[in-house]
Amino acid sequence: MHILFLNGSEFRGTWHEFKRALWHPLFIALVLSMTAILLVVQPYNHFLPAGVISHTLIIASSIAAFFCAVLFGFSRFARAKRRARSLVVILPAIAIATVWAVALSMATGGSGLSPLGWAQLIAFNFAFAIFAEVFLASFLLRRIMLETRLGTHPIVGISPSILHSELEGGVVPPKVSGPTQTYDTAPAQPTDSARKTMQIVEILGKSVVLDTVRHLKAEEHYVSLTLRGGTSFLLRGRLADAIEQVPPEAGLQVHRSYWVARSALAALNRKRDGWRLRLRDGTEIPVARNRQAKVRDWVEAALQAA
């Protein structure tokens, strides 16, 4: 599952991880805070029926309708295995929540809205939702992602089947401390060819198979480590430190925010906004202007050798 937010931040993980993130205390606190703001500011009083209880119930149900629509939208993108942009999902959710609030208000004795009133209401709801989304993506998302990912990868006893499935995905399971693990059958040993390609490196505390690393991306105080197949991890640290932990011949820093693995290269293309590397999975990485000549020579040599 891949979600791109308005400020450029990203969420990458499984649908299960996404649902776990929704129960994070920071996200719940954000939802409760935004609800409290609506109850205090009272922007809907001109069409809601009289009564504090009615106001509270209608606003709460509208927020619930909004989040149900958002979840449905993201789930559709997740099932289609496509990248979801938050704005594409938020816009129809705002329309659904707005219509729900007005319809519920009219059904309980509230007044209707003129075309101008509808436009003003939708504009307010849009601005309010965008503010919440930007605040979430700019200040809370990284911490929620980091803590949620750590929570979904506990250090437990590892069975042989899990061990081999994780090695194939490029992730090396953490060492298990505590009582010695026993197995009914001995784990199968990797073949000689597999041993040759299974060079294990530790990048900012994460042990991975070097051949599966696709690229590293600096994200403020974190580094996004992307592996073959789209699996990614958000690791705390600097990009410079992460680059020092991989062999120099394994890749090249092509931009101040990006390091690309040699094995991931597909092509170097010139676009209107500058040169871009295209990786085998279709990802495009920008190339810094002051590194273009070096990157061009590196790509030519890498592709000829391949």
Protein backbone atom coordinates (compact mmCIF):
# COMPACT_ATOMS: atom_id res chain seq x y z
CA MET A 1 0.00 0.00 0.00
CA HIS A 2 1.44 3.35 -1.07
CA ILE A 3 -0.10 6.72 -0.12
CA LEU A 4 1.32 10.05 -1.30
CA PHE A 5 0.34 13.05 0.83
CA LEU A 6 0.07 16.69 -0.23
CA ASN A 7 3.39 17.74 1.30
CA GLY A 8 5.27 14.92 -0.45
CA SER A 9 5.35 12.55 2.53
CA GLU A 10 4.60 8.90 1.85
CA PHE A 11 3.14 5.93 3.66
CA ARG A 12 4.31 2.54 2.45
CA GLY A 13 3.18 -0.66 4.09
CA THR A 14 0.47 -3.27 4.17
CA TRP A 15 -3.25 -2.63 4.64
CA HIS A 16 -2.91 -4.17 8.10
CA GLU A 17 -0.17 -1.68 9.02
CA PHE A 18 -2.31 1.18 7.75
CA LYS A 19 -5.23 0.14 9.96
CA ARG A 20 -2.88 -0.17 12.93
CA ALA A 21 -1.66 3.37 12.28
CA LEU A 22 -5.25 4.64 12.52
CA TRP A 23 -5.38 3.42 16.13
CA HIS A 24 -2.18 5.22 17.07
CA PRO A 25 -2.77 7.65 19.99
CA LEU A 26 -1.46 10.60 17.95
CA PHE A 27 -3.96 10.00 15.16
CA ILE A 28 -6.84 9.55 17.59
CA ALA A 29 -5.80 12.76 19.38
CA LEU A 30 -5.82 14.60 16.05
CA VAL A 31 -9.34 13.40 15.23
CA LEU A 32 -10.65 14.34 18.67
CA SER A 33 -8.98 17.75 18.50
CA MET A 34 -10.48 18.56 15.09
CA THR A 35 -13.91 17.44 16.34
CA ALA A 36 -13.57 19.68 19.39
CA ILE A 37 -12.69 22.63 17.15
CA LEU A 38 -15.87 22.14 15.14
CA LEU A 39 -17.95 21.97 18.31
CA VAL A 40 -16.39 25.16 19.68
CA VAL A 41 -16.33 27.24 16.50
CA GLN A 42 -19.83 26.05 15.47
CA PRO A 43 -19.54 26.74 11.71
CA TYR A 44 -22.72 24.76 10.92
CA ASN A 45 -25.19 26.47 13.22
CA HIS A 46 -26.93 28.29 10.36
CA PHE A 47 -28.51 25.09 9.06
CA LEU A 48 -28.40 22.64 11.99
CA PRO A 49 -31.49 22.10 14.17
CA ALA A 50 -31.53 23.68 17.61
CA GLY A 51 -30.04 21.74 20.52
CA VAL A 52 -26.53 20.90 21.65
CA ILE A 53 -27.18 17.16 21.49
CA SER A 54 -28.42 17.39 17.90
CA HIS A 55 -25.38 19.44 16.92
CA THR A 56 -22.98 16.98 18.51
CA LEU A 57 -24.62 13.90 17.00
CA ILE A 58 -24.78 15.34 13.49
CA ILE A 59 -21.17 16.54 13.54
CA ALA A 60 -19.92 13.25 14.99
CA SER A 61 -21.85 11.20 12.42
CA SER A 62 -20.56 13.40 9.58
CA ILE A 63 -16.97 12.89 10.72
CA ALA A 64 -17.64 9.15 10.86
CA ALA A 65 -19.07 9.26 7.32
CA PHE A 66 -15.97 11.15 6.16
CA PHE A 67 -13.58 8.55 7.57
CA CYS A 68 -15.64 5.65 6.23
CA ALA A 69 -15.41 7.19 2.76
CA VAL A 70 -11.65 7.76 3.17
CA LEU A 71 -11.08 4.17 4.26
CA PHE A 72 -13.13 2.87 1.36
CA GLY A 73 -11.16 4.99 -1.09
CA PHE A 74 -7.77 3.88 0.22
CA SER A 75 -8.91 0.24 0.30
CA ARG A 76 -9.81 0.41 -3.38
CA PHE A 77 -6.34 1.69 -4.26
CA ALA A 78 -4.76 -0.96 -2.03
CA ARG A 79 -6.67 -3.78 -3.73
CA ALA A 80 -5.72 -2.44 -7.15
CA LYS A 81 -2.08 -2.19 -5.95
CA ARG A 82 -1.90 1.41 -7.13
CA ARG A 83 -0.41 4.47 -5.47
CA ALA A 84 -3.08 6.60 -3.83
CA ARG A 85 -2.89 10.38 -3.63
CA SER A 86 -4.55 11.71 -0.51
CA LEU A 87 -6.31 14.53 -2.35
CA VAL A 88 -8.00 12.10 -4.75
CA VAL A 89 -9.47 10.20 -1.80
CA ILE A 90 -10.27 13.23 0.39
CA LEU A 91 -12.31 15.18 -2.19
CA PRO A 92 -15.16 12.64 -2.63
CA ALA A 93 -15.09 11.92 1.12
CA ILE A 94 -15.69 15.64 1.82
CA ALA A 95 -18.63 15.67 -0.62
CA ILE A 96 -20.16 12.57 1.00
CA ALA A 97 -19.78 13.94 4.54
CA THR A 98 -21.24 17.32 3.52
CA VAL A 99 -24.32 15.81 1.87
CA TRP A 100 -24.78 13.49 4.85
CA ALA A 101 -24.67 16.39 7.34
CA VAL A 102 -27.17 18.54 5.44
CA ALA A 103 -29.55 15.62 4.77
CA LEU A 104 -29.45 14.54 8.42
CA SER A 105 -29.97 18.12 9.55
CA MET A 106 -33.04 18.58 7.33
CA ALA A 107 -34.46 15.24 8.49
CA THR A 108 -34.24 16.38 12.13
CA GLY A 109 -35.72 19.85 11.68
CA GLY A 110 -32.85 21.90 10.32
CA SER A 111 -32.98 24.27 7.35
CA GLY A 112 -31.82 23.72 3.79
CA LEU A 113 -29.04 25.53 1.95
CA SER A 114 -28.96 27.84 -1.04
CA PRO A 115 -26.45 27.17 -3.86
CA LEU A 116 -24.17 29.80 -2.32
CA GLY A 117 -24.56 28.14 1.08
CA TRP A 118 -23.61 24.77 -0.40
CA ALA A 119 -20.51 26.29 -2.02
CA GLN A 120 -19.44 27.97 1.22
CA LEU A 121 -19.99 24.79 3.24
CA ILE A 122 -18.02 22.59 0.83
CA ALA A 123 -15.21 25.18 0.68
CA PHE A 124 -14.98 25.30 4.49
CA ASN A 125 -15.01 21.51 4.82
CA PHE A 126 -12.35 21.21 2.12
CA ALA A 127 -10.05 23.76 3.78
CA PHE A 128 -10.58 22.17 7.20
CA ALA A 129 -9.83 18.64 5.93
CA ILE A 130 -6.76 19.79 4.00
CA PHE A 131 -5.43 21.58 7.08
CA ALA A 132 -5.82 18.38 9.11
CA GLU A 133 -4.15 16.30 6.37
CA VAL A 134 -1.17 18.66 6.06
CA PHE A 135 -0.76 18.80 9.84
CA LEU A 136 -0.86 14.99 10.00
CA ALA A 137 1.62 14.52 7.16
CA SER A 138 4.00 17.26 8.30
CA PHE A 139 4.17 16.68 12.05
CA LEU A 140 2.66 13.33 13.06
CA LEU A 141 3.07 10.90 10.17
CA ARG A 142 6.75 10.06 10.61
CA ARG A 143 6.37 9.23 14.26
CA ILE A 144 3.21 7.21 13.65
CA MET A 145 4.87 5.27 10.83
CA LEU A 146 8.02 4.61 12.80
CA GLU A 147 6.25 3.42 15.92
CA THR A 148 3.67 1.42 13.96
CA ARG A 149 6.31 -0.34 11.86
CA LEU A 150 8.31 -1.26 14.95
CA GLY A 151 5.14 -2.58 16.51
CA THR A 152 4.35 -4.76 13.52
CA HIS A 153 7.78 -6.37 13.38
CA PRO A 154 8.24 -7.88 16.86
CA ILE A 155 11.34 -9.89 17.72
CA VAL A 156 10.04 -13.42 18.18
CA GLY A 157 11.09 -17.00 17.51
CA ILE A 158 11.54 -17.54 13.76
CA SER A 159 10.51 -20.72 12.00
CA PRO A 160 12.46 -22.01 8.97
CA SER A 161 9.63 -21.13 6.55
CA ILE A 162 9.47 -17.54 7.79
CA LEU A 163 13.26 -17.31 7.68
CA HIS A 164 13.47 -18.25 4.01
CA SER A 165 10.50 -16.10 2.98
CA GLU A 166 12.08 -13.04 4.62
CA LEU A 167 15.48 -13.73 3.07
CA GLU A 168 13.86 -13.92 -0.35
CA GLY A 169 12.33 -10.50 0.28
CA GLY A 170 15.69 -9.07 1.29
CA VAL A 171 15.01 -8.73 5.02
CA VAL A 172 17.27 -10.51 7.48
CA PRO A 173 15.33 -11.51 10.61
CA PRO A 174 16.72 -10.05 13.85
CA LYS A 175 18.73 -12.21 16.19
CA VAL A 176 16.59 -13.79 18.87
CA SER A 177 17.75 -13.53 22.45
CA GLY A 178 16.49 -15.86 25.13
CA PRO A 179 15.92 -19.61 25.17
CA THR A 180 17.33 -21.64 22.30
CA GLN A 181 14.80 -22.23 19.52
CA THR A 182 14.13 -25.83 18.47
CA TYR A 183 12.62 -27.07 15.23
CA ASP A 184 10.90 -30.28 14.24
CA THR A 185 13.06 -30.42 11.11
CA ALA A 186 16.36 -28.79 10.31
CA PRO A 187 16.05 -25.70 8.11
CA ALA A 188 17.09 -26.22 4.52
CA GLN A 189 20.45 -24.69 3.64
CA PRO A 190 20.67 -22.13 0.82
CA THR A 191 22.37 -23.22 -2.39
CA ASP A 192 25.92 -22.13 -3.32
CA SER A 193 24.59 -19.60 -5.83
CA ALA A 194 22.28 -18.18 -3.20
CA ARG A 195 25.16 -17.83 -0.74
CA LYS A 196 27.12 -15.79 -3.26
CA THR A 197 24.34 -13.23 -3.68
CA MET A 198 23.34 -13.16 -0.02
CA GLN A 199 25.82 -10.52 1.10
CA ILE A 200 24.23 -9.16 4.26
CA VAL A 201 24.76 -5.53 5.25
CA GLU A 202 23.44 -3.58 8.20
CA ILE A 203 22.02 -0.18 7.26
CA LEU A 204 21.18 2.05 10.21
CA GLY A 205 20.51 -1.01 12.34
CA LYS A 206 18.48 -2.90 9.71
CA SER A 207 20.07 -6.10 8.35
CA VAL A 208 19.24 -6.69 4.69
CA VAL A 209 20.54 -8.65 1.72
CA LEU A 210 22.63 -6.18 -0.30
CA ASP A 211 21.44 -7.42 -3.69
CA THR A 212 17.82 -6.58 -2.81
CA VAL A 213 18.47 -2.93 -1.93
CA ARG A 214 17.03 -0.59 -4.56
CA HIS A 215 17.54 2.92 -3.22
CA LEU A 216 17.91 5.09 -0.13
CA LYS A 217 16.06 8.37 0.34
CA ALA A 218 16.71 11.05 2.96
CA GLU A 219 13.57 12.23 4.77
CA GLU A 220 14.54 14.84 7.39
CA HIS A 221 15.85 12.85 10.38
CA TYR A 222 15.08 9.49 8.74
CA VAL A 223 16.19 7.41 5.78
CA SER A 224 13.73 5.44 3.67
CA LEU A 225 15.25 2.08 2.67
CA THR A 226 13.49 0.51 -0.33
CA LEU A 227 14.05 -3.13 -1.26
CA ARG A 228 13.17 -5.26 -4.26
CA GLY A 229 9.42 -5.68 -4.58
CA GLY A 230 8.61 -2.27 -3.09
CA THR A 231 9.14 -3.16 0.57
CA SER A 232 10.44 -0.12 2.45
CA PHE A 233 11.55 0.77 5.96
CA LEU A 234 11.82 4.14 7.65
CA LEU A 235 15.07 4.20 9.63
CA ARG A 236 16.27 6.91 11.96
CA GLY A 237 19.61 8.37 10.88
CA ARG A 238 21.42 10.33 8.19
CA LEU A 239 21.73 9.39 4.54
CA ALA A 240 25.51 9.90 4.70
CA ASP A 241 25.78 7.34 7.51
CA ALA A 242 23.62 4.85 5.60
CA ILE A 243 25.76 5.23 2.45
CA GLU A 244 28.93 4.53 4.45
CA GLN A 245 27.47 1.18 5.49
CA VAL A 246 27.17 -0.19 1.94
CA PRO A 247 30.13 -1.10 -0.32
CA PRO A 248 31.17 1.78 -2.63
CA GLU A 249 30.76 -0.40 -5.74
CA ALA A 250 27.14 -1.25 -4.81
CA GLY A 251 25.72 2.10 -5.85
CA LEU A 252 26.08 5.86 -6.12
CA GLN A 253 24.64 8.97 -4.48
CA VAL A 254 22.98 10.72 -7.44
CA HIS A 255 21.31 13.51 -5.47
CA ARG A 256 21.74 14.98 -2.02
CA SER A 257 18.61 13.05 -0.98
CA TYR A 258 19.06 9.82 -2.99
CA TRP A 259 21.43 6.88 -3.24
CA VAL A 260 20.71 4.31 -5.97
CA ALA A 261 21.89 0.70 -6.17
CA ARG A 262 23.81 -0.33 -9.26
CA SER A 263 21.68 -3.46 -9.64
CA ALA A 264 18.47 -1.42 -9.77
CA LEU A 265 19.37 0.69 -12.81
CA ALA A 266 17.27 0.55 -15.99
CA ALA A 267 17.90 3.82 -17.86
CA LEU A 268 18.92 7.47 -17.63
CA ASN A 269 16.42 9.86 -19.20
CA ARG A 270 16.48 13.59 -19.80
CA LYS A 271 13.29 15.40 -18.79
CA ARG A 272 12.25 19.04 -18.85
CA ASP A 273 13.15 19.46 -15.20
CA GLY A 274 16.51 17.67 -15.54
CA TRP A 275 17.99 14.19 -15.72
CA ARG A 276 16.21 11.28 -14.04
CA LEU A 277 17.21 7.70 -13.36
CA ARG A 278 14.61 5.06 -14.13
CA LEU A 279 14.88 1.95 -11.99
CA ARG A 280 13.78 -1.55 -12.93
CA ASP A 281 10.57 -1.23 -10.91
CA GLY A 282 9.63 1.97 -12.79
CA THR A 283 10.64 4.39 -10.04
CA GLU A 284 12.21 7.65 -11.24
CA ILE A 285 15.00 9.27 -9.20
CA PRO A 286 16.14 12.88 -9.81
CA VAL A 287 19.80 13.52 -10.61
CA ALA A 288 21.49 16.62 -9.18
CA ARG A 289 22.87 19.05 -11.76
CA ASN A 290 26.37 18.95 -10.32
CA ARG A 291 26.41 15.13 -10.51
CA GLN A 292 25.06 14.66 -14.03
CA ALA A 293 28.38 13.90 -15.75
CA LYS A 294 29.47 11.44 -13.07
CA VAL A 295 26.06 9.73 -13.03
CA ARG A 296 25.97 9.46 -16.83
CA ASP A 297 29.37 7.72 -16.91
CA TRP A 298 28.37 5.48 -14.03
CA VAL A 299 25.10 4.43 -15.66
CA GLU A 300 26.77 3.72 -19.02
CA ALA A 301 29.40 1.54 -17.35
CA ALA A 302 26.83 -0.28 -15.22
CA LEU A 303 24.47 -1.02 -18.11
CA GLN A 304 27.31 -2.17 -20.40
CA ALA A 305 28.59 -4.51 -17.68
CA ALA A 306 25.10 -5.92 -17.20
